[in-house]
Amino acid sequence: MKRRNTLISIGIVFFYVMGFVLAFFFEFAIEDFLLKKNPNPLIEFLSLNKEQLFFKIFMNNLYVVIINVIGFISFGVLTLLNTFYNGFVLGFVIKTVVKVSSLSFILKHLLPHSFEIIGILISSFIGVYLGIKLFSFCFIENKEPIKIKTISNLLFLSILIIFISAFLETYVSIE
């Protein structure tokens, strides 16, 4: 069981990193479209007051966590796609900021996002783990029980991490 959990964790990190790498190192036509539509997306984001910004960051990350967890219904496929997408978005944002700013700006303003990634990856683990359990329940004789308390604790931890991260991003890193 620990081996399976380790493989799930490695797979999730792999999907996230692959999304990041693809967005950061390769050119896509969508970049031009998005940048023409909003040439400096940070201006809109940073124009919000602190409470609005905190709520926007937290709710966006909570939405990601919910999608990841309910992705178990697709046997974890939706969760993996969402994890890849989130890595892609971060890679795209960092590549875009690098074009118009400096490395020190990235380290100061985007590095705190690495903390929220932990919460998002935990929710991805939950979605894939439950997806595998659902698959086993539907198609395989092995009916190993779900550890509800562990899943609940992981979900609470994931939400707590994105809450703290939203607070840090709003009141510490964007000063």
N, C-alpha and C. Protein backbone atom coordinates (compact mmCIF):
# COMPACT_ATOMS: atom_id res chain seq x y z
N MET A 1 0.82 -1.19 0.00
CA MET A 1 0.00 0.00 0.00
C MET A 1 0.87 1.26 0.00
N LYS A 2 1.94 1.28 0.81
CA LYS A 2 2.83 2.44 0.81
C LYS A 2 3.48 2.62 -0.55
N ARG A 3 3.80 1.51 -1.20
CA ARG A 3 4.40 1.57 -2.53
C ARG A 3 3.43 2.22 -3.50
N ARG A 4 2.15 1.84 -3.43
CA ARG A 4 1.14 2.42 -4.32
C ARG A 4 1.00 3.92 -4.05
N ASN A 5 0.97 4.29 -2.79
CA ASN A 5 0.85 5.71 -2.45
C ASN A 5 2.05 6.51 -2.93
N THR A 6 3.23 5.90 -2.85
CA THR A 6 4.44 6.55 -3.36
C THR A 6 4.35 6.72 -4.87
N LEU A 7 3.88 5.68 -5.56
CA LEU A 7 3.74 5.77 -7.02
C LEU A 7 2.70 6.82 -7.42
N ILE A 8 1.62 6.89 -6.66
CA ILE A 8 0.60 7.93 -6.92
C ILE A 8 1.24 9.30 -6.76
N SER A 9 1.97 9.50 -5.68
CA SER A 9 2.61 10.80 -5.42
C SER A 9 3.60 11.16 -6.51
N ILE A 10 4.41 10.22 -6.93
CA ILE A 10 5.38 10.48 -8.00
C ILE A 10 4.66 10.81 -9.30
N GLY A 11 3.60 10.08 -9.61
CA GLY A 11 2.82 10.34 -10.82
C GLY A 11 2.21 11.73 -10.83
N ILE A 12 1.69 12.15 -9.69
CA ILE A 12 1.08 13.48 -9.58
C ILE A 12 2.12 14.57 -9.79
N VAL A 13 3.25 14.44 -9.14
CA VAL A 13 4.33 15.43 -9.31
C VAL A 13 4.81 15.43 -10.76
N PHE A 14 4.90 14.26 -11.37
CA PHE A 14 5.30 14.16 -12.77
C PHE A 14 4.34 14.94 -13.67
N PHE A 15 3.03 14.76 -13.49
CA PHE A 15 2.05 15.48 -14.31
C PHE A 15 2.17 16.98 -14.11
N TYR A 16 2.35 17.42 -12.87
CA TYR A 16 2.47 18.85 -12.58
C TYR A 16 3.73 19.42 -13.25
N VAL A 17 4.84 18.74 -13.07
CA VAL A 17 6.11 19.21 -13.63
C VAL A 17 6.07 19.19 -15.15
N MET A 18 5.45 18.19 -15.74
CA MET A 18 5.36 18.14 -17.21
C MET A 18 4.55 19.32 -17.74
N GLY A 19 3.45 19.66 -17.07
CA GLY A 19 2.68 20.84 -17.47
C GLY A 19 3.52 22.10 -17.39
N PHE A 20 4.25 22.24 -16.28
CA PHE A 20 5.11 23.40 -16.09
C PHE A 20 6.17 23.48 -17.18
N VAL A 21 6.86 22.38 -17.42
CA VAL A 21 7.95 22.34 -18.40
C VAL A 21 7.44 22.67 -19.80
N LEU A 22 6.30 22.08 -20.18
CA LEU A 22 5.75 22.35 -21.51
C LEU A 22 5.43 23.84 -21.68
N ALA A 23 4.82 24.43 -20.68
CA ALA A 23 4.45 25.84 -20.79
C ALA A 23 5.67 26.75 -20.76
N PHE A 24 6.64 26.42 -19.93
CA PHE A 24 7.79 27.30 -19.75
C PHE A 24 8.76 27.24 -20.92
N PHE A 25 8.99 26.06 -21.47
CA PHE A 25 10.05 25.91 -22.46
C PHE A 25 9.58 25.86 -23.91
N PHE A 26 8.28 25.76 -24.14
CA PHE A 26 7.80 25.65 -25.51
C PHE A 26 6.84 26.80 -25.82
N GLU A 27 6.83 27.20 -27.07
CA GLU A 27 5.95 28.28 -27.52
C GLU A 27 4.62 27.69 -27.96
N PHE A 28 3.56 28.36 -27.56
CA PHE A 28 2.22 27.94 -27.95
C PHE A 28 1.47 29.14 -28.51
N ALA A 29 0.60 28.91 -29.49
CA ALA A 29 -0.16 29.99 -30.11
C ALA A 29 -1.06 30.68 -29.09
N ILE A 30 -1.48 29.99 -28.08
CA ILE A 30 -2.39 30.57 -27.09
C ILE A 30 -1.73 31.71 -26.31
N GLU A 31 -0.40 31.68 -26.21
CA GLU A 31 0.29 32.75 -25.49
C GLU A 31 0.01 34.10 -26.13
N ASP A 32 0.14 34.19 -27.45
CA ASP A 32 -0.10 35.45 -28.15
C ASP A 32 -1.54 35.89 -27.95
N PHE A 33 -2.47 34.94 -28.04
CA PHE A 33 -3.89 35.25 -27.86
C PHE A 33 -4.15 35.82 -26.46
N LEU A 34 -3.63 35.15 -25.43
CA LEU A 34 -3.86 35.59 -24.06
C LEU A 34 -3.21 36.93 -23.78
N LEU A 35 -2.00 37.13 -24.27
CA LEU A 35 -1.30 38.38 -24.01
C LEU A 35 -1.90 39.56 -24.79
N LYS A 36 -2.47 39.31 -25.97
CA LYS A 36 -3.15 40.38 -26.71
C LYS A 36 -4.44 40.77 -26.01
N LYS A 37 -5.12 39.78 -25.46
CA LYS A 37 -6.37 40.03 -24.74
C LYS A 37 -6.12 40.84 -23.47
N ASN A 38 -5.04 40.52 -22.76
CA ASN A 38 -4.70 41.23 -21.52
C ASN A 38 -3.18 41.27 -21.44
N PRO A 39 -2.55 42.33 -21.96
CA PRO A 39 -1.09 42.37 -22.04
C PRO A 39 -0.37 42.32 -20.70
N ASN A 40 -1.00 42.78 -19.62
CA ASN A 40 -0.38 42.70 -18.31
C ASN A 40 -1.42 42.23 -17.29
N PRO A 41 -1.61 40.90 -17.20
CA PRO A 41 -2.65 40.36 -16.32
C PRO A 41 -2.41 40.68 -14.84
N LEU A 42 -1.17 41.00 -14.46
CA LEU A 42 -0.89 41.29 -13.06
C LEU A 42 -1.51 42.61 -12.60
N ILE A 43 -1.70 43.56 -13.52
CA ILE A 43 -2.26 44.85 -13.13
C ILE A 43 -3.67 44.68 -12.58
N GLU A 44 -4.50 43.92 -13.28
CA GLU A 44 -5.87 43.68 -12.81
C GLU A 44 -5.85 42.96 -11.46
N PHE A 45 -5.00 41.98 -11.35
CA PHE A 45 -4.89 41.18 -10.12
C PHE A 45 -4.45 42.03 -8.94
N LEU A 46 -3.45 42.87 -9.17
CA LEU A 46 -2.89 43.68 -8.09
C LEU A 46 -3.72 44.92 -7.78
N SER A 47 -4.73 45.22 -8.60
CA SER A 47 -5.57 46.40 -8.35
C SER A 47 -6.67 46.11 -7.32
N LEU A 48 -6.84 44.87 -6.93
CA LEU A 48 -7.84 44.52 -5.93
C LEU A 48 -7.37 44.93 -4.54
N ASN A 49 -8.32 45.26 -3.64
CA ASN A 49 -7.91 45.52 -2.26
C ASN A 49 -7.53 44.19 -1.60
N LYS A 50 -6.94 44.26 -0.42
CA LYS A 50 -6.39 43.07 0.24
C LYS A 50 -7.44 41.99 0.47
N GLU A 51 -8.62 42.37 0.93
CA GLU A 51 -9.66 41.38 1.22
C GLU A 51 -10.14 40.70 -0.06
N GLN A 52 -10.34 41.49 -1.11
CA GLN A 52 -10.76 40.94 -2.40
C GLN A 52 -9.69 40.00 -2.96
N LEU A 53 -8.45 40.42 -2.84
CA LEU A 53 -7.34 39.62 -3.34
C LEU A 53 -7.24 38.30 -2.58
N PHE A 54 -7.32 38.36 -1.25
CA PHE A 54 -7.29 37.14 -0.44
C PHE A 54 -8.41 36.21 -0.85
N PHE A 55 -9.63 36.73 -0.95
CA PHE A 55 -10.78 35.91 -1.31
C PHE A 55 -10.61 35.31 -2.69
N LYS A 56 -10.13 36.11 -3.65
CA LYS A 56 -9.94 35.61 -5.02
C LYS A 56 -8.90 34.49 -5.07
N ILE A 57 -7.78 34.67 -4.38
CA ILE A 57 -6.74 33.65 -4.37
C ILE A 57 -7.24 32.39 -3.68
N PHE A 58 -7.85 32.56 -2.51
CA PHE A 58 -8.33 31.39 -1.76
C PHE A 58 -9.40 30.64 -2.54
N MET A 59 -10.38 31.35 -3.08
CA MET A 59 -11.47 30.68 -3.80
C MET A 59 -10.97 30.00 -5.08
N ASN A 60 -10.01 30.62 -5.76
CA ASN A 60 -9.45 29.98 -6.95
C ASN A 60 -8.77 28.67 -6.58
N ASN A 61 -7.97 28.70 -5.52
CA ASN A 61 -7.28 27.49 -5.09
C ASN A 61 -8.24 26.45 -4.52
N LEU A 62 -9.29 26.91 -3.83
CA LEU A 62 -10.30 25.98 -3.31
C LEU A 62 -11.03 25.30 -4.46
N TYR A 63 -11.30 26.04 -5.52
CA TYR A 63 -11.91 25.48 -6.72
C TYR A 63 -11.02 24.37 -7.30
N VAL A 64 -9.73 24.62 -7.35
CA VAL A 64 -8.78 23.61 -7.86
C VAL A 64 -8.82 22.37 -6.97
N VAL A 65 -8.82 22.56 -5.66
CA VAL A 65 -8.87 21.44 -4.72
C VAL A 65 -10.15 20.63 -4.92
N ILE A 66 -11.28 21.31 -5.07
CA ILE A 66 -12.56 20.61 -5.26
C ILE A 66 -12.55 19.81 -6.56
N ILE A 67 -12.08 20.42 -7.64
CA ILE A 67 -11.99 19.70 -8.93
C ILE A 67 -11.09 18.48 -8.79
N ASN A 68 -9.96 18.64 -8.11
CA ASN A 68 -9.05 17.52 -7.93
C ASN A 68 -9.70 16.38 -7.16
N VAL A 69 -10.39 16.71 -6.09
CA VAL A 69 -10.99 15.66 -5.25
C VAL A 69 -12.15 14.98 -5.97
N ILE A 70 -13.06 15.76 -6.59
CA ILE A 70 -14.18 15.10 -7.26
C ILE A 70 -13.76 14.43 -8.57
N GLY A 71 -12.52 14.66 -8.97
CA GLY A 71 -11.98 13.97 -10.14
C GLY A 71 -11.90 12.46 -9.94
N PHE A 72 -12.08 12.00 -8.71
CA PHE A 72 -12.07 10.55 -8.46
C PHE A 72 -13.18 9.87 -9.26
N ILE A 73 -14.25 10.60 -9.55
CA ILE A 73 -15.38 10.01 -10.30
C ILE A 73 -14.91 9.52 -11.67
N SER A 74 -13.90 10.15 -12.22
CA SER A 74 -13.34 9.75 -13.52
C SER A 74 -12.17 8.78 -13.33
N PHE A 75 -12.13 8.14 -12.16
CA PHE A 75 -11.04 7.24 -11.79
C PHE A 75 -9.71 7.97 -11.70
N GLY A 76 -9.75 9.27 -11.44
CA GLY A 76 -8.55 10.07 -11.26
C GLY A 76 -8.03 10.74 -12.52
N VAL A 77 -8.64 10.47 -13.67
CA VAL A 77 -8.16 11.04 -14.93
C VAL A 77 -8.35 12.57 -14.92
N LEU A 78 -9.52 13.03 -14.53
CA LEU A 78 -9.77 14.47 -14.45
C LEU A 78 -8.79 15.14 -13.48
N THR A 79 -8.51 14.47 -12.38
CA THR A 79 -7.56 15.01 -11.40
C THR A 79 -6.18 15.18 -12.03
N LEU A 80 -5.73 14.17 -12.76
CA LEU A 80 -4.41 14.26 -13.39
C LEU A 80 -4.38 15.35 -14.46
N LEU A 81 -5.45 15.49 -15.22
CA LEU A 81 -5.51 16.54 -16.23
C LEU A 81 -5.50 17.92 -15.57
N ASN A 82 -6.23 18.07 -14.48
CA ASN A 82 -6.26 19.35 -13.76
C ASN A 82 -4.89 19.66 -13.15
N THR A 83 -4.21 18.63 -12.67
CA THR A 83 -2.87 18.80 -12.10
C THR A 83 -1.90 19.25 -13.19
N PHE A 84 -1.97 18.61 -14.35
CA PHE A 84 -1.15 19.01 -15.49
C PHE A 84 -1.44 20.46 -15.87
N TYR A 85 -2.72 20.80 -15.96
CA TYR A 85 -3.14 22.14 -16.33
C TYR A 85 -2.60 23.19 -15.35
N ASN A 86 -2.65 22.90 -14.07
CA ASN A 86 -2.17 23.85 -13.07
C ASN A 86 -0.65 24.04 -13.17
N GLY A 87 0.07 22.98 -13.44
CA GLY A 87 1.50 23.11 -13.70
C GLY A 87 1.76 23.95 -14.94
N PHE A 88 0.94 23.73 -15.97
CA PHE A 88 1.05 24.48 -17.22
C PHE A 88 0.82 25.97 -16.96
N VAL A 89 -0.21 26.29 -16.20
CA VAL A 89 -0.52 27.69 -15.90
C VAL A 89 0.63 28.35 -15.16
N LEU A 90 1.18 27.68 -14.16
CA LEU A 90 2.31 28.26 -13.43
C LEU A 90 3.50 28.47 -14.35
N GLY A 91 3.79 27.50 -15.19
CA GLY A 91 4.89 27.65 -16.15
C GLY A 91 4.66 28.81 -17.09
N PHE A 92 3.43 28.96 -17.56
CA PHE A 92 3.07 30.06 -18.46
C PHE A 92 3.22 31.41 -17.76
N VAL A 93 2.73 31.49 -16.52
CA VAL A 93 2.81 32.75 -15.77
C VAL A 93 4.27 33.13 -15.54
N ILE A 94 5.07 32.18 -15.11
CA ILE A 94 6.48 32.49 -14.84
C ILE A 94 7.20 32.89 -16.12
N LYS A 95 6.92 32.19 -17.22
CA LYS A 95 7.56 32.55 -18.49
C LYS A 95 7.13 33.95 -18.93
N THR A 96 5.86 34.27 -18.75
CA THR A 96 5.35 35.59 -19.13
C THR A 96 5.98 36.69 -18.27
N VAL A 97 6.08 36.44 -16.98
CA VAL A 97 6.67 37.43 -16.07
C VAL A 97 8.16 37.61 -16.37
N VAL A 98 8.85 36.53 -16.71
CA VAL A 98 10.27 36.61 -17.04
C VAL A 98 10.48 37.54 -18.25
N LYS A 99 9.54 37.51 -19.19
CA LYS A 99 9.68 38.36 -20.39
C LYS A 99 9.56 39.84 -20.07
N VAL A 100 8.80 40.19 -19.04
CA VAL A 100 8.55 41.61 -18.76
C VAL A 100 9.14 42.07 -17.43
N SER A 101 9.79 41.20 -16.70
CA SER A 101 10.29 41.57 -15.38
C SER A 101 11.63 40.89 -15.13
N SER A 102 11.98 40.80 -13.83
CA SER A 102 13.28 40.26 -13.46
C SER A 102 13.13 39.01 -12.59
N LEU A 103 14.24 38.32 -12.42
CA LEU A 103 14.26 37.13 -11.58
C LEU A 103 13.94 37.49 -10.13
N SER A 104 14.41 38.64 -9.67
CA SER A 104 14.13 39.04 -8.28
C SER A 104 12.63 39.26 -8.07
N PHE A 105 11.94 39.80 -9.09
CA PHE A 105 10.49 39.97 -8.99
C PHE A 105 9.81 38.61 -8.85
N ILE A 106 10.25 37.66 -9.64
CA ILE A 106 9.66 36.31 -9.59
C ILE A 106 9.88 35.69 -8.22
N LEU A 107 11.11 35.78 -7.72
CA LEU A 107 11.41 35.19 -6.42
C LEU A 107 10.60 35.85 -5.30
N LYS A 108 10.41 37.16 -5.40
CA LYS A 108 9.69 37.88 -4.35
C LYS A 108 8.18 37.66 -4.42
N HIS A 109 7.62 37.63 -5.63
CA HIS A 109 6.17 37.62 -5.76
C HIS A 109 5.58 36.27 -6.16
N LEU A 110 6.32 35.44 -6.81
CA LEU A 110 5.75 34.16 -7.25
C LEU A 110 6.22 32.96 -6.44
N LEU A 111 7.35 33.09 -5.77
CA LEU A 111 7.84 31.97 -4.97
C LEU A 111 6.87 31.53 -3.88
N PRO A 112 6.15 32.44 -3.23
CA PRO A 112 5.18 31.98 -2.22
C PRO A 112 4.12 31.04 -2.79
N HIS A 113 3.93 31.07 -4.12
CA HIS A 113 2.98 30.14 -4.72
C HIS A 113 3.43 28.69 -4.57
N SER A 114 4.70 28.49 -4.34
CA SER A 114 5.18 27.11 -4.17
C SER A 114 4.55 26.46 -2.94
N PHE A 115 4.16 27.26 -1.96
CA PHE A 115 3.51 26.74 -0.76
C PHE A 115 2.11 26.22 -1.09
N GLU A 116 1.36 26.96 -1.92
CA GLU A 116 0.02 26.50 -2.28
C GLU A 116 0.06 25.25 -3.15
N ILE A 117 1.16 25.07 -3.88
CA ILE A 117 1.30 23.88 -4.73
C ILE A 117 1.21 22.62 -3.87
N ILE A 118 1.76 22.66 -2.67
CA ILE A 118 1.70 21.50 -1.78
C ILE A 118 0.25 21.13 -1.49
N GLY A 119 -0.58 22.13 -1.16
CA GLY A 119 -1.99 21.87 -0.90
C GLY A 119 -2.71 21.32 -2.12
N ILE A 120 -2.38 21.86 -3.27
CA ILE A 120 -3.01 21.40 -4.51
C ILE A 120 -2.58 19.97 -4.84
N LEU A 121 -1.30 19.66 -4.64
CA LEU A 121 -0.83 18.30 -4.90
C LEU A 121 -1.43 17.29 -3.91
N ILE A 122 -1.65 17.71 -2.67
CA ILE A 122 -2.31 16.83 -1.71
C ILE A 122 -3.73 16.51 -2.18
N SER A 123 -4.44 17.53 -2.68
CA SER A 123 -5.78 17.27 -3.19
C SER A 123 -5.75 16.38 -4.43
N SER A 124 -4.71 16.51 -5.23
CA SER A 124 -4.54 15.62 -6.38
C SER A 124 -4.34 14.18 -5.92
N PHE A 125 -3.55 14.01 -4.87
CA PHE A 125 -3.36 12.66 -4.32
C PHE A 125 -4.70 12.07 -3.89
N ILE A 126 -5.52 12.87 -3.22
CA ILE A 126 -6.82 12.38 -2.76
C ILE A 126 -7.66 11.93 -3.95
N GLY A 127 -7.72 12.76 -5.00
CA GLY A 127 -8.53 12.41 -6.17
C GLY A 127 -8.06 11.16 -6.88
N VAL A 128 -6.76 11.02 -7.04
CA VAL A 128 -6.23 9.83 -7.72
C VAL A 128 -6.39 8.60 -6.83
N TYR A 129 -6.09 8.74 -5.55
CA TYR A 129 -6.23 7.63 -4.60
C TYR A 129 -7.68 7.12 -4.58
N LEU A 130 -8.64 8.05 -4.46
CA LEU A 130 -10.05 7.64 -4.45
C LEU A 130 -10.48 7.09 -5.81
N GLY A 131 -9.91 7.64 -6.88
CA GLY A 131 -10.20 7.12 -8.22
C GLY A 131 -9.75 5.68 -8.37
N ILE A 132 -8.57 5.37 -7.85
CA ILE A 132 -8.07 3.99 -7.89
C ILE A 132 -8.95 3.09 -7.04
N LYS A 133 -9.37 3.58 -5.88
CA LYS A 133 -10.27 2.81 -5.02
C LYS A 133 -11.60 2.55 -5.73
N LEU A 134 -12.13 3.56 -6.39
CA LEU A 134 -13.38 3.40 -7.13
C LEU A 134 -13.21 2.39 -8.26
N PHE A 135 -12.11 2.49 -8.99
CA PHE A 135 -11.83 1.54 -10.06
C PHE A 135 -11.75 0.12 -9.50
N SER A 136 -11.04 -0.05 -8.38
CA SER A 136 -10.92 -1.37 -7.75
C SER A 136 -12.28 -1.89 -7.32
N PHE A 137 -13.11 -1.01 -6.79
CA PHE A 137 -14.45 -1.41 -6.34
C PHE A 137 -15.30 -1.85 -7.52
N CYS A 138 -15.19 -1.17 -8.65
CA CYS A 138 -16.01 -1.47 -9.82
C CYS A 138 -15.52 -2.66 -10.63
N PHE A 139 -14.21 -2.85 -10.73
CA PHE A 139 -13.68 -3.80 -11.69
C PHE A 139 -12.77 -4.88 -11.14
N ILE A 140 -12.35 -4.77 -9.90
CA ILE A 140 -11.39 -5.73 -9.34
C ILE A 140 -11.96 -6.31 -8.06
N GLU A 141 -11.64 -7.53 -7.80
CA GLU A 141 -12.15 -8.20 -6.61
C GLU A 141 -11.58 -7.64 -5.31
N ASN A 142 -10.41 -7.03 -5.35
CA ASN A 142 -9.77 -6.51 -4.15
C ASN A 142 -10.58 -5.32 -3.63
N LYS A 143 -11.28 -5.52 -2.53
CA LYS A 143 -12.14 -4.48 -1.95
C LYS A 143 -11.50 -3.91 -0.68
N GLU A 144 -10.30 -3.40 -0.81
CA GLU A 144 -9.58 -2.80 0.31
C GLU A 144 -10.35 -1.55 0.79
N PRO A 145 -10.56 -1.42 2.10
CA PRO A 145 -11.36 -0.28 2.59
C PRO A 145 -10.64 1.07 2.41
N ILE A 146 -11.46 2.10 2.28
CA ILE A 146 -10.94 3.47 2.18
C ILE A 146 -10.73 3.98 3.60
N LYS A 147 -9.60 4.59 3.81
CA LYS A 147 -9.30 5.16 5.13
C LYS A 147 -9.87 6.57 5.18
N ILE A 148 -11.13 6.65 5.59
CA ILE A 148 -11.87 7.91 5.59
C ILE A 148 -11.18 8.96 6.47
N LYS A 149 -10.69 8.55 7.64
CA LYS A 149 -10.05 9.51 8.55
C LYS A 149 -8.80 10.10 7.90
N THR A 150 -8.01 9.27 7.26
CA THR A 150 -6.80 9.75 6.58
C THR A 150 -7.15 10.71 5.45
N ILE A 151 -8.16 10.34 4.65
CA ILE A 151 -8.59 11.19 3.54
C ILE A 151 -9.11 12.52 4.08
N SER A 152 -9.91 12.47 5.13
CA SER A 152 -10.44 13.70 5.75
C SER A 152 -9.32 14.59 6.26
N ASN A 153 -8.34 13.99 6.92
CA ASN A 153 -7.20 14.75 7.43
C ASN A 153 -6.39 15.38 6.29
N LEU A 154 -6.20 14.63 5.21
CA LEU A 154 -5.47 15.18 4.06
C LEU A 154 -6.25 16.32 3.42
N LEU A 155 -7.57 16.17 3.32
CA LEU A 155 -8.38 17.23 2.74
C LEU A 155 -8.33 18.49 3.62
N PHE A 156 -8.44 18.31 4.92
CA PHE A 156 -8.34 19.44 5.84
C PHE A 156 -6.97 20.11 5.70
N LEU A 157 -5.91 19.31 5.64
CA LEU A 157 -4.56 19.85 5.48
C LEU A 157 -4.42 20.62 4.18
N SER A 158 -4.97 20.08 3.10
CA SER A 158 -4.91 20.75 1.80
C SER A 158 -5.59 22.11 1.86
N ILE A 159 -6.78 22.17 2.45
CA ILE A 159 -7.52 23.43 2.54
C ILE A 159 -6.80 24.40 3.47
N LEU A 160 -6.27 23.90 4.56
CA LEU A 160 -5.52 24.75 5.49
C LEU A 160 -4.30 25.36 4.79
N ILE A 161 -3.59 24.57 4.02
CA ILE A 161 -2.40 25.05 3.32
C ILE A 161 -2.77 26.13 2.31
N ILE A 162 -3.84 25.92 1.53
CA ILE A 162 -4.19 26.96 0.55
C ILE A 162 -4.73 28.21 1.24
N PHE A 163 -5.35 28.06 2.41
CA PHE A 163 -5.81 29.22 3.18
C PHE A 163 -4.60 30.04 3.66
N ILE A 164 -3.65 29.36 4.27
CA ILE A 164 -2.44 30.04 4.75
C ILE A 164 -1.67 30.65 3.58
N SER A 165 -1.59 29.93 2.50
CA SER A 165 -0.89 30.43 1.32
C SER A 165 -1.56 31.69 0.77
N ALA A 166 -2.89 31.69 0.71
CA ALA A 166 -3.61 32.88 0.23
C ALA A 166 -3.34 34.06 1.16
N PHE A 167 -3.30 33.80 2.45
CA PHE A 167 -2.99 34.86 3.41
C PHE A 167 -1.57 35.41 3.18
N LEU A 168 -0.60 34.50 3.05
CA LEU A 168 0.79 34.93 2.84
C LEU A 168 0.95 35.69 1.53
N GLU A 169 0.30 35.19 0.47
CA GLU A 169 0.41 35.87 -0.82
C GLU A 169 -0.19 37.26 -0.75
N THR A 170 -1.29 37.40 -0.03
CA THR A 170 -1.98 38.68 0.03
C THR A 170 -1.30 39.67 0.96
N TYR A 171 -0.95 39.22 2.14
CA TYR A 171 -0.50 40.17 3.16
C TYR A 171 1.02 40.20 3.37
N VAL A 172 1.75 39.28 2.73
CA VAL A 172 3.20 39.28 2.91
C VAL A 172 3.92 39.48 1.58
N SER A 173 3.67 38.61 0.60
CA SER A 173 4.47 38.67 -0.63
C SER A 173 4.07 39.80 -1.56
N ILE A 174 2.84 40.31 -1.48
CA ILE A 174 2.41 41.39 -2.38
C ILE A 174 2.42 42.71 -1.62
N GLU A 175 3.48 42.98 -0.97
CA GLU A 175 3.65 44.25 -0.23
C GLU A 175 4.55 45.17 -1.03
